[in-house]
């Protein structure tokens, strides 16, 4: 039996109208779970985001490497609500940032997280976990 955990698919989407000093992103984290989860039971996942590095990759162009860490707790199908499984998400991802002046630092703050199990209609179980995390980057310039 294959016990390999696949990396999460992480997509950062810049919100329309975001400012350059505090851009707001929707961070979508999609993770394949080890076993199918009950779609009617909302999983618990409270990820923490940290800034790992900031690289100047061109004129006014920066690449920010973030690390997301957290544990997905979910109810497997056929197990009942008193039985839960956990799966760790711990990986890096990048976000491009524009700044006309040199960036001296960035802090990340997370808003209200939305978690769920993606499923096909008429099915009560799925192995696809989805998290939407609103993330604001506060950019300090030199």
C-alpha atoms as a PDB file:
ATOM      1  CA  UNK A   1       0.000   0.000   0.000  1.00  0.00           C
ATOM      2  CA  UNK A   2       1.383   3.406  -0.985  1.00  0.00           C
ATOM      3  CA  UNK A   3       1.635   5.751   2.032  1.00  0.00           C
ATOM      4  CA  UNK A   4       3.175   8.611   0.040  1.00  0.00           C
ATOM      5  CA  UNK A   5       1.703  12.042   0.745  1.00  0.00           C
ATOM      6  CA  UNK A   6       1.564  14.273  -2.291  1.00  0.00           C
ATOM      7  CA  UNK A   7       2.470  17.957  -1.973  1.00  0.00           C
ATOM      8  CA  UNK A   8      -0.376  20.435  -1.806  1.00  0.00           C
ATOM      9  CA  UNK A   9      -1.250  22.533  -4.833  1.00  0.00           C
ATOM     10  CA  UNK A  10      -0.929  26.163  -3.659  1.00  0.00           C
ATOM     11  CA  UNK A  11      -2.168  29.049  -5.817  1.00  0.00           C
ATOM     12  CA  UNK A  12      -1.916  32.703  -4.772  1.00  0.00           C
ATOM     13  CA  UNK A  13      -4.377  35.014  -6.533  1.00  0.00           C
ATOM     14  CA  UNK A  14      -3.996  38.778  -6.150  1.00  0.00           C
ATOM     15  CA  UNK A  15      -7.288  40.461  -5.273  1.00  0.00           C
ATOM     16  CA  UNK A  16      -8.554  43.138  -7.646  1.00  0.00           C
ATOM     17  CA  UNK A  17      -7.905  46.622  -6.244  1.00  0.00           C
ATOM     18  CA  UNK A  18      -5.142  45.587  -3.833  1.00  0.00           C
ATOM     19  CA  UNK A  19      -2.689  48.297  -2.843  1.00  0.00           C
ATOM     20  CA  UNK A  20       1.033  47.975  -3.525  1.00  0.00           C
ATOM     21  CA  UNK A  21       1.949  48.491   0.150  1.00  0.00           C
ATOM     22  CA  UNK A  22      -0.467  45.852   1.476  1.00  0.00           C
ATOM     23  CA  UNK A  23      -1.458  43.481  -1.330  1.00  0.00           C
ATOM     24  CA  UNK A  24      -4.223  41.027  -0.473  1.00  0.00           C
ATOM     25  CA  UNK A  25      -4.110  37.506  -1.889  1.00  0.00           C
ATOM     26  CA  UNK A  26      -6.423  34.530  -1.771  1.00  0.00           C
ATOM     27  CA  UNK A  27      -4.219  31.535  -1.037  1.00  0.00           C
ATOM     28  CA  UNK A  28      -5.936  28.392  -2.308  1.00  0.00           C
ATOM     29  CA  UNK A  29      -4.479  25.193  -0.848  1.00  0.00           C
ATOM     30  CA  UNK A  30      -5.709  21.943  -2.382  1.00  0.00           C
ATOM     31  CA  UNK A  31      -4.452  18.714  -0.810  1.00  0.00           C
ATOM     32  CA  UNK A  32      -5.153  15.080  -1.633  1.00  0.00           C
ATOM     33  CA  UNK A  33      -5.997  13.327   1.615  1.00  0.00           C
ATOM     34  CA  UNK A  34      -4.687   9.865   2.460  1.00  0.00           C
ATOM     35  CA  UNK A  35      -8.219   8.472   2.859  1.00  0.00           C
ATOM     36  CA  UNK A  36     -11.631   9.748   1.697  1.00  0.00           C
ATOM     37  CA  UNK A  37     -13.238  12.239   4.072  1.00  0.00           C
ATOM     38  CA  UNK A  38     -16.894  12.909   4.869  1.00  0.00           C
ATOM     39  CA  UNK A  39     -17.915  15.917   2.808  1.00  0.00           C
ATOM     40  CA  UNK A  40     -20.531  16.938   5.396  1.00  0.00           C
ATOM     41  CA  UNK A  41     -17.916  17.270   8.160  1.00  0.00           C
ATOM     42  CA  UNK A  42     -15.888  20.484   7.804  1.00  0.00           C
ATOM     43  CA  UNK A  43     -12.179  19.748   8.264  1.00  0.00           C
ATOM     44  CA  UNK A  44     -10.111  21.778  10.722  1.00  0.00           C
ATOM     45  CA  UNK A  45      -7.020  23.485   9.305  1.00  0.00           C
ATOM     46  CA  UNK A  46      -5.444  26.670  10.697  1.00  0.00           C
ATOM     47  CA  UNK A  47      -2.293  27.187   8.626  1.00  0.00           C
ATOM     48  CA  UNK A  48       0.525  29.481   9.693  1.00  0.00           C
ATOM     49  CA  UNK A  49       2.381  31.469   7.045  1.00  0.00           C
ATOM     50  CA  UNK A  50       5.957  32.705   7.443  1.00  0.00           C
ATOM     51  CA  UNK A  51       8.179  34.720   5.116  1.00  0.00           C
ATOM     52  CA  UNK A  52      11.303  32.727   4.240  1.00  0.00           C
ATOM     53  CA  UNK A  53      13.011  35.046   1.766  1.00  0.00           C
ATOM     54  CA  UNK A  54      12.628  38.049  -0.512  1.00  0.00           C
ATOM     55  CA  UNK A  55      14.568  38.150  -3.782  1.00  0.00           C
ATOM     56  CA  UNK A  56      14.893  41.048  -6.210  1.00  0.00           C
ATOM     57  CA  UNK A  57      14.440  39.366  -9.604  1.00  0.00           C
ATOM     58  CA  UNK A  58      14.225  42.451 -11.837  1.00  0.00           C
ATOM     59  CA  UNK A  59      13.512  46.162 -11.864  1.00  0.00           C
ATOM     60  CA  UNK A  60      10.831  46.680  -9.171  1.00  0.00           C
ATOM     61  CA  UNK A  61      10.131  42.925  -9.249  1.00  0.00           C
ATOM     62  CA  UNK A  62      10.451  40.698  -6.197  1.00  0.00           C
ATOM     63  CA  UNK A  63       9.792  37.059  -5.490  1.00  0.00           C
ATOM     64  CA  UNK A  64       8.656  36.286  -1.945  1.00  0.00           C
ATOM     65  CA  UNK A  65       9.094  32.728  -0.681  1.00  0.00           C
ATOM     66  CA  UNK A  66       6.576  31.819   2.014  1.00  0.00           C
ATOM     67  CA  UNK A  67       6.241  28.678   4.100  1.00  0.00           C
ATOM     68  CA  UNK A  68       2.838  27.280   5.061  1.00  0.00           C
ATOM     69  CA  UNK A  69       2.542  24.859   7.956  1.00  0.00           C
ATOM     70  CA  UNK A  70      -0.491  23.232   9.516  1.00  0.00           C
ATOM     71  CA  UNK A  71      -2.355  20.025  10.253  1.00  0.00           C
ATOM     72  CA  UNK A  72      -5.571  19.044   8.473  1.00  0.00           C
ATOM     73  CA  UNK A  73      -7.905  17.195  10.855  1.00  0.00           C
ATOM     74  CA  UNK A  74     -10.794  15.437   9.143  1.00  0.00           C
ATOM     75  CA  UNK A  75     -13.391  12.703   9.608  1.00  0.00           C
ATOM     76  CA  UNK A  76     -12.804   9.685   7.340  1.00  0.00           C
ATOM     77  CA  UNK A  77     -15.832   8.194   5.591  1.00  0.00           C
ATOM     78  CA  UNK A  78     -17.491   5.335   7.440  1.00  0.00           C
ATOM     79  CA  UNK A  79     -15.702   6.162  10.668  1.00  0.00           C
ATOM     80  CA  UNK A  80     -18.190   8.300  12.602  1.00  0.00           C
ATOM     81  CA  UNK A  81     -17.623  11.764  14.046  1.00  0.00           C
ATOM     82  CA  UNK A  82     -15.603  10.482  17.014  1.00  0.00           C
ATOM     83  CA  UNK A  83     -12.869   9.194  14.699  1.00  0.00           C
ATOM     84  CA  UNK A  84     -10.505  11.683  13.052  1.00  0.00           C
ATOM     85  CA  UNK A  85      -7.379  11.546  10.917  1.00  0.00           C
ATOM     86  CA  UNK A  86      -4.639  14.145  10.590  1.00  0.00           C
ATOM     87  CA  UNK A  87      -2.412  15.099   7.698  1.00  0.00           C
ATOM     88  CA  UNK A  88       0.418  17.643   7.755  1.00  0.00           C
ATOM     89  CA  UNK A  89       0.896  20.397   5.185  1.00  0.00           C
ATOM     90  CA  UNK A  90       4.410  21.851   5.314  1.00  0.00           C
ATOM     91  CA  UNK A  91       5.817  23.401   2.178  1.00  0.00           C
ATOM     92  CA  UNK A  92       7.107  26.524   0.479  1.00  0.00           C
ATOM     93  CA  UNK A  93       5.450  28.555  -2.271  1.00  0.00           C
ATOM     94  CA  UNK A  94       6.177  31.853  -4.013  1.00  0.00           C
ATOM     95  CA  UNK A  95       4.310  35.097  -4.574  1.00  0.00           C
ATOM     96  CA  UNK A  96       5.473  37.795  -7.013  1.00  0.00           C
ATOM     97  CA  UNK A  97       5.467  41.362  -5.658  1.00  0.00           C
ATOM     98  CA  UNK A  98       5.950  44.721  -7.401  1.00  0.00           C
ATOM     99  CA  UNK A  99       7.585  47.608  -5.542  1.00  0.00           C
ATOM    100  CA  UNK A 100       9.034  50.751  -7.128  1.00  0.00           C
ATOM    101  CA  UNK A 101      11.287  51.193  -4.072  1.00  0.00           C
ATOM    102  CA  UNK A 102      13.536  48.617  -2.414  1.00  0.00           C
ATOM    103  CA  UNK A 103      11.733  46.251  -0.043  1.00  0.00           C
ATOM    104  CA  UNK A 104      13.251  46.091   3.442  1.00  0.00           C
ATOM    105  CA  UNK A 105      10.781  43.609   4.922  1.00  0.00           C
ATOM    106  CA  UNK A 106       7.413  41.912   4.581  1.00  0.00           C
ATOM    107  CA  UNK A 107       4.975  40.650   7.188  1.00  0.00           C
ATOM    108  CA  UNK A 108       2.073  38.312   6.505  1.00  0.00           C
ATOM    109  CA  UNK A 109      -1.315  38.359   8.219  1.00  0.00           C
ATOM    110  CA  UNK A 110      -4.069  35.810   7.675  1.00  0.00           C
ATOM    111  CA  UNK A 111      -7.793  36.498   7.698  1.00  0.00           C
ATOM    112  CA  UNK A 112     -10.684  34.091   8.261  1.00  0.00           C
ATOM    113  CA  UNK A 113      -9.884  30.659   6.811  1.00  0.00           C
ATOM    114  CA  UNK A 114     -12.489  28.694   4.818  1.00  0.00           C
ATOM    115  CA  UNK A 115     -12.047  24.891   4.725  1.00  0.00           C
ATOM    116  CA  UNK A 116     -13.984  22.175   2.951  1.00  0.00           C
ATOM    117  CA  UNK A 117     -14.016  18.854   1.167  1.00  0.00           C
ATOM    118  CA  UNK A 118     -14.548  19.118  -2.606  1.00  0.00           C
ATOM    119  CA  UNK A 119     -16.933  16.468  -3.874  1.00  0.00           C
ATOM    120  CA  UNK A 120     -18.844  15.432  -6.941  1.00  0.00           C
ATOM    121  CA  UNK A 121     -22.611  15.821  -6.592  1.00  0.00           C
ATOM    122  CA  UNK A 122     -24.407  12.807  -5.114  1.00  0.00           C
ATOM    123  CA  UNK A 123     -21.221  11.610  -3.385  1.00  0.00           C
ATOM    124  CA  UNK A 124     -20.688  11.883   0.351  1.00  0.00           C
ATOM    125  CA  UNK A 125     -16.909  11.271   0.367  1.00  0.00           C
ATOM    126  CA  UNK A 126     -13.859  12.759  -1.301  1.00  0.00           C
ATOM    127  CA  UNK A 127     -10.084  12.775  -0.931  1.00  0.00           C
ATOM    128  CA  UNK A 128      -9.807  16.435  -2.032  1.00  0.00           C
ATOM    129  CA  UNK A 129      -9.355  18.993   0.751  1.00  0.00           C
ATOM    130  CA  UNK A 130      -9.623  22.699  -0.151  1.00  0.00           C
ATOM    131  CA  UNK A 131      -8.625  25.710   1.951  1.00  0.00           C
ATOM    132  CA  UNK A 132      -9.008  29.379   1.041  1.00  0.00           C
ATOM    133  CA  UNK A 133      -6.867  31.652   3.196  1.00  0.00           C
ATOM    134  CA  UNK A 134      -6.996  35.444   2.796  1.00  0.00           C
ATOM    135  CA  UNK A 135      -3.419  36.684   3.172  1.00  0.00           C
ATOM    136  CA  UNK A 136      -2.293  40.312   3.366  1.00  0.00           C
ATOM    137  CA  UNK A 137       1.374  41.151   2.900  1.00  0.00           C
ATOM    138  CA  UNK A 138       2.493  44.368   4.580  1.00  0.00           C
ATOM    139  CA  UNK A 139       5.482  45.668   2.659  1.00  0.00           C
ATOM    140  CA  UNK A 140       8.101  47.894   4.281  1.00  0.00           C
ATOM    141  CA  UNK A 141      10.344  49.846   1.924  1.00  0.00           C
ATOM    142  CA  UNK A 142      13.780  51.326   2.458  1.00  0.00           C
END
